[in-house]
Amino acid sequence: MTKVHITIDESVPDDLAEKFLADVEREIYYQDKRESSVALAKLWWFLFVGTLGAAAMYWTVYGSILLLRAVYMYLKSI
């Protein structure tokens, strides 16, 4: 939540001050929503990339084991 301290001079008409405060409040609300959307998008991106990385590591290890097994079987047959 964004906190803002605003001081409006007494010479400013009330209707103009209320409109200004409403605009500021609306802008802060939408800014907070944008920031939360960006944070959620980053979270999903890191989960996606992490999953791909984990899958790549798994297949690298699994492929290495298969390759070593094939070499062992070949050497055993000689």
N, C-alpha and C. Protein backbone atom coordinates (compact mmCIF):
# COMPACT_ATOMS: atom_id res chain seq x y z
N MET A 1 0.84 -1.18 0.00
CA MET A 1 0.00 0.00 0.00
C MET A 1 0.89 1.24 0.00
N THR A 2 0.59 2.15 -0.89
CA THR A 2 1.35 3.38 -1.01
C THR A 2 0.79 4.42 -0.05
N LYS A 3 1.67 5.08 0.67
CA LYS A 3 1.24 6.15 1.58
C LYS A 3 1.72 7.48 1.03
N VAL A 4 0.80 8.46 1.04
CA VAL A 4 1.10 9.78 0.50
C VAL A 4 0.61 10.82 1.50
N HIS A 5 1.40 11.85 1.72
CA HIS A 5 0.98 12.97 2.56
C HIS A 5 0.85 14.19 1.65
N ILE A 6 -0.36 14.74 1.59
CA ILE A 6 -0.63 15.88 0.72
C ILE A 6 -1.14 17.03 1.57
N THR A 7 -0.59 18.19 1.36
CA THR A 7 -1.06 19.40 2.02
C THR A 7 -1.59 20.34 0.94
N ILE A 8 -2.85 20.74 1.07
CA ILE A 8 -3.47 21.64 0.10
C ILE A 8 -3.68 22.98 0.77
N ASP A 9 -3.26 24.02 0.10
CA ASP A 9 -3.39 25.37 0.63
C ASP A 9 -4.87 25.74 0.78
N GLU A 10 -5.19 26.54 1.77
CA GLU A 10 -6.57 26.93 2.04
C GLU A 10 -7.16 27.80 0.94
N SER A 11 -6.31 28.41 0.11
CA SER A 11 -6.82 29.28 -0.96
C SER A 11 -7.37 28.48 -2.14
N VAL A 12 -7.10 27.18 -2.18
CA VAL A 12 -7.60 26.33 -3.27
C VAL A 12 -9.07 26.03 -3.01
N PRO A 13 -9.93 26.20 -4.02
CA PRO A 13 -11.36 25.91 -3.84
C PRO A 13 -11.59 24.45 -3.44
N ASP A 14 -12.63 24.21 -2.63
CA ASP A 14 -12.91 22.87 -2.12
C ASP A 14 -13.18 21.86 -3.23
N ASP A 15 -13.95 22.26 -4.24
CA ASP A 15 -14.27 21.31 -5.31
C ASP A 15 -13.03 20.90 -6.09
N LEU A 16 -12.11 21.85 -6.31
CA LEU A 16 -10.87 21.53 -7.01
C LEU A 16 -9.98 20.63 -6.15
N ALA A 17 -9.92 20.89 -4.85
CA ALA A 17 -9.12 20.05 -3.94
C ALA A 17 -9.68 18.64 -3.88
N GLU A 18 -11.01 18.51 -3.82
CA GLU A 18 -11.63 17.17 -3.78
C GLU A 18 -11.36 16.41 -5.07
N LYS A 19 -11.45 17.11 -6.21
CA LYS A 19 -11.18 16.45 -7.50
C LYS A 19 -9.72 15.99 -7.55
N PHE A 20 -8.81 16.85 -7.11
CA PHE A 20 -7.39 16.50 -7.10
C PHE A 20 -7.13 15.28 -6.21
N LEU A 21 -7.71 15.28 -5.01
CA LEU A 21 -7.51 14.14 -4.10
C LEU A 21 -8.10 12.86 -4.67
N ALA A 22 -9.25 12.97 -5.35
CA ALA A 22 -9.85 11.78 -5.97
C ALA A 22 -8.94 11.25 -7.08
N ASP A 23 -8.36 12.16 -7.87
CA ASP A 23 -7.45 11.74 -8.94
C ASP A 23 -6.21 11.06 -8.36
N VAL A 24 -5.66 11.62 -7.29
CA VAL A 24 -4.49 11.03 -6.66
C VAL A 24 -4.83 9.65 -6.10
N GLU A 25 -5.97 9.54 -5.44
CA GLU A 25 -6.38 8.27 -4.87
C GLU A 25 -6.57 7.21 -5.96
N ARG A 26 -7.19 7.60 -7.09
CA ARG A 26 -7.40 6.66 -8.19
C ARG A 26 -6.06 6.22 -8.80
N GLU A 27 -5.15 7.17 -8.97
CA GLU A 27 -3.83 6.84 -9.54
C GLU A 27 -3.05 5.90 -8.63
N ILE A 28 -3.12 6.13 -7.33
CA ILE A 28 -2.43 5.24 -6.38
C ILE A 28 -3.03 3.85 -6.43
N TYR A 29 -4.36 3.76 -6.52
CA TYR A 29 -5.03 2.47 -6.59
C TYR A 29 -4.57 1.69 -7.83
N TYR A 30 -4.57 2.34 -9.00
CA TYR A 30 -4.16 1.64 -10.22
C TYR A 30 -2.67 1.31 -10.22
N GLN A 31 -1.86 2.17 -9.62
CA GLN A 31 -0.44 1.88 -9.53
C GLN A 31 -0.20 0.64 -8.68
N ASP A 32 -0.90 0.51 -7.56
CA ASP A 32 -0.78 -0.67 -6.71
C ASP A 32 -1.23 -1.92 -7.45
N LYS A 33 -2.30 -1.82 -8.24
CA LYS A 33 -2.77 -2.98 -9.01
C LYS A 33 -1.74 -3.39 -10.06
N ARG A 34 -1.13 -2.40 -10.74
CA ARG A 34 -0.11 -2.71 -11.75
C ARG A 34 1.09 -3.39 -11.11
N GLU A 35 1.52 -2.88 -9.96
CA GLU A 35 2.67 -3.48 -9.29
C GLU A 35 2.39 -4.91 -8.87
N SER A 36 1.18 -5.19 -8.39
CA SER A 36 0.87 -6.56 -7.99
C SER A 36 0.77 -7.48 -9.21
N SER A 37 0.28 -6.96 -10.33
CA SER A 37 0.21 -7.76 -11.55
C SER A 37 1.61 -8.10 -12.06
N VAL A 38 2.50 -7.13 -12.00
CA VAL A 38 3.89 -7.37 -12.45
C VAL A 38 4.56 -8.40 -11.55
N ALA A 39 4.32 -8.30 -10.24
CA ALA A 39 4.92 -9.26 -9.30
C ALA A 39 4.40 -10.67 -9.58
N LEU A 40 3.11 -10.80 -9.86
CA LEU A 40 2.55 -12.11 -10.17
C LEU A 40 3.11 -12.67 -11.48
N ALA A 41 3.27 -11.80 -12.48
CA ALA A 41 3.84 -12.24 -13.76
C ALA A 41 5.27 -12.71 -13.58
N LYS A 42 6.05 -11.99 -12.75
CA LYS A 42 7.43 -12.41 -12.49
C LYS A 42 7.47 -13.75 -11.77
N LEU A 43 6.56 -13.95 -10.83
CA LEU A 43 6.51 -15.23 -10.11
C LEU A 43 6.25 -16.38 -11.08
N TRP A 44 5.25 -16.23 -11.96
CA TRP A 44 4.96 -17.28 -12.92
C TRP A 44 6.13 -17.50 -13.87
N TRP A 45 6.82 -16.44 -14.29
CA TRP A 45 7.97 -16.57 -15.19
C TRP A 45 9.09 -17.37 -14.52
N PHE A 46 9.39 -17.04 -13.26
CA PHE A 46 10.45 -17.78 -12.56
C PHE A 46 10.07 -19.23 -12.33
N LEU A 47 8.81 -19.52 -12.06
CA LEU A 47 8.36 -20.91 -11.92
C LEU A 47 8.51 -21.66 -13.24
N PHE A 48 8.15 -21.01 -14.35
CA PHE A 48 8.27 -21.62 -15.66
C PHE A 48 9.72 -21.92 -16.02
N VAL A 49 10.58 -20.91 -15.83
CA VAL A 49 12.01 -21.09 -16.15
C VAL A 49 12.63 -22.12 -15.21
N GLY A 50 12.25 -22.10 -13.93
CA GLY A 50 12.76 -23.09 -12.99
C GLY A 50 12.37 -24.50 -13.37
N THR A 51 11.13 -24.66 -13.83
CA THR A 51 10.67 -25.98 -14.27
C THR A 51 11.46 -26.46 -15.49
N LEU A 52 11.68 -25.56 -16.43
CA LEU A 52 12.48 -25.93 -17.61
C LEU A 52 13.91 -26.30 -17.21
N GLY A 53 14.48 -25.54 -16.28
CA GLY A 53 15.83 -25.84 -15.82
C GLY A 53 15.91 -27.19 -15.13
N ALA A 54 14.91 -27.49 -14.29
CA ALA A 54 14.88 -28.78 -13.61
C ALA A 54 14.73 -29.92 -14.61
N ALA A 55 13.89 -29.73 -15.61
CA ALA A 55 13.71 -30.77 -16.63
C ALA A 55 15.00 -30.97 -17.43
N ALA A 56 15.68 -29.88 -17.76
CA ALA A 56 16.93 -30.00 -18.51
C ALA A 56 17.99 -30.73 -17.68
N MET A 57 18.06 -30.43 -16.40
CA MET A 57 19.03 -31.12 -15.54
C MET A 57 18.69 -32.61 -15.45
N TYR A 58 17.40 -32.93 -15.30
CA TYR A 58 16.99 -34.33 -15.22
C TYR A 58 17.39 -35.08 -16.48
N TRP A 59 17.06 -34.51 -17.65
CA TRP A 59 17.37 -35.21 -18.89
C TRP A 59 18.87 -35.28 -19.14
N THR A 60 19.63 -34.31 -18.68
CA THR A 60 21.09 -34.37 -18.81
C THR A 60 21.64 -35.53 -18.00
N VAL A 61 21.19 -35.65 -16.76
CA VAL A 61 21.66 -36.75 -15.90
C VAL A 61 21.19 -38.09 -16.46
N TYR A 62 19.91 -38.16 -16.85
CA TYR A 62 19.37 -39.40 -17.38
C TYR A 62 20.08 -39.80 -18.68
N GLY A 63 20.34 -38.81 -19.55
CA GLY A 63 21.05 -39.10 -20.81
C GLY A 63 22.47 -39.57 -20.55
N SER A 64 23.13 -38.98 -19.56
CA SER A 64 24.49 -39.41 -19.22
C SER A 64 24.50 -40.85 -18.72
N ILE A 65 23.52 -41.20 -17.91
CA ILE A 65 23.44 -42.57 -17.40
C ILE A 65 23.20 -43.54 -18.55
N LEU A 66 22.31 -43.18 -19.49
CA LEU A 66 22.06 -44.05 -20.64
C LEU A 66 23.31 -44.20 -21.50
N LEU A 67 24.04 -43.12 -21.70
CA LEU A 67 25.26 -43.18 -22.49
C LEU A 67 26.31 -44.05 -21.82
N LEU A 68 26.50 -43.88 -20.51
CA LEU A 68 27.46 -44.72 -19.79
C LEU A 68 27.05 -46.18 -19.83
N ARG A 69 25.75 -46.42 -19.72
CA ARG A 69 25.27 -47.80 -19.77
C ARG A 69 25.53 -48.41 -21.15
N ALA A 70 25.31 -47.63 -22.22
CA ALA A 70 25.57 -48.14 -23.56
C ALA A 70 27.06 -48.42 -23.77
N VAL A 71 27.92 -47.55 -23.27
CA VAL A 71 29.36 -47.77 -23.38
C VAL A 71 29.76 -49.01 -22.59
N TYR A 72 29.20 -49.18 -21.39
CA TYR A 72 29.49 -50.36 -20.57
C TYR A 72 29.06 -51.64 -21.29
N MET A 73 27.86 -51.63 -21.85
CA MET A 73 27.36 -52.83 -22.55
C MET A 73 28.23 -53.14 -23.78
N TYR A 74 28.69 -52.08 -24.49
CA TYR A 74 29.54 -52.28 -25.65
C TYR A 74 30.88 -52.88 -25.23
N LEU A 75 31.49 -52.30 -24.18
CA LEU A 75 32.77 -52.81 -23.72
C LEU A 75 32.63 -54.23 -23.16
N LYS A 76 31.52 -54.53 -22.56
CA LYS A 76 31.29 -55.86 -22.01
C LYS A 76 31.15 -56.90 -23.13
N SER A 77 30.61 -56.48 -24.27
CA SER A 77 30.41 -57.43 -25.37
C SER A 77 31.70 -57.71 -26.14
N ILE A 78 32.72 -56.90 -25.98
CA ILE A 78 33.98 -57.10 -26.72
C ILE A 78 34.75 -58.27 -26.17
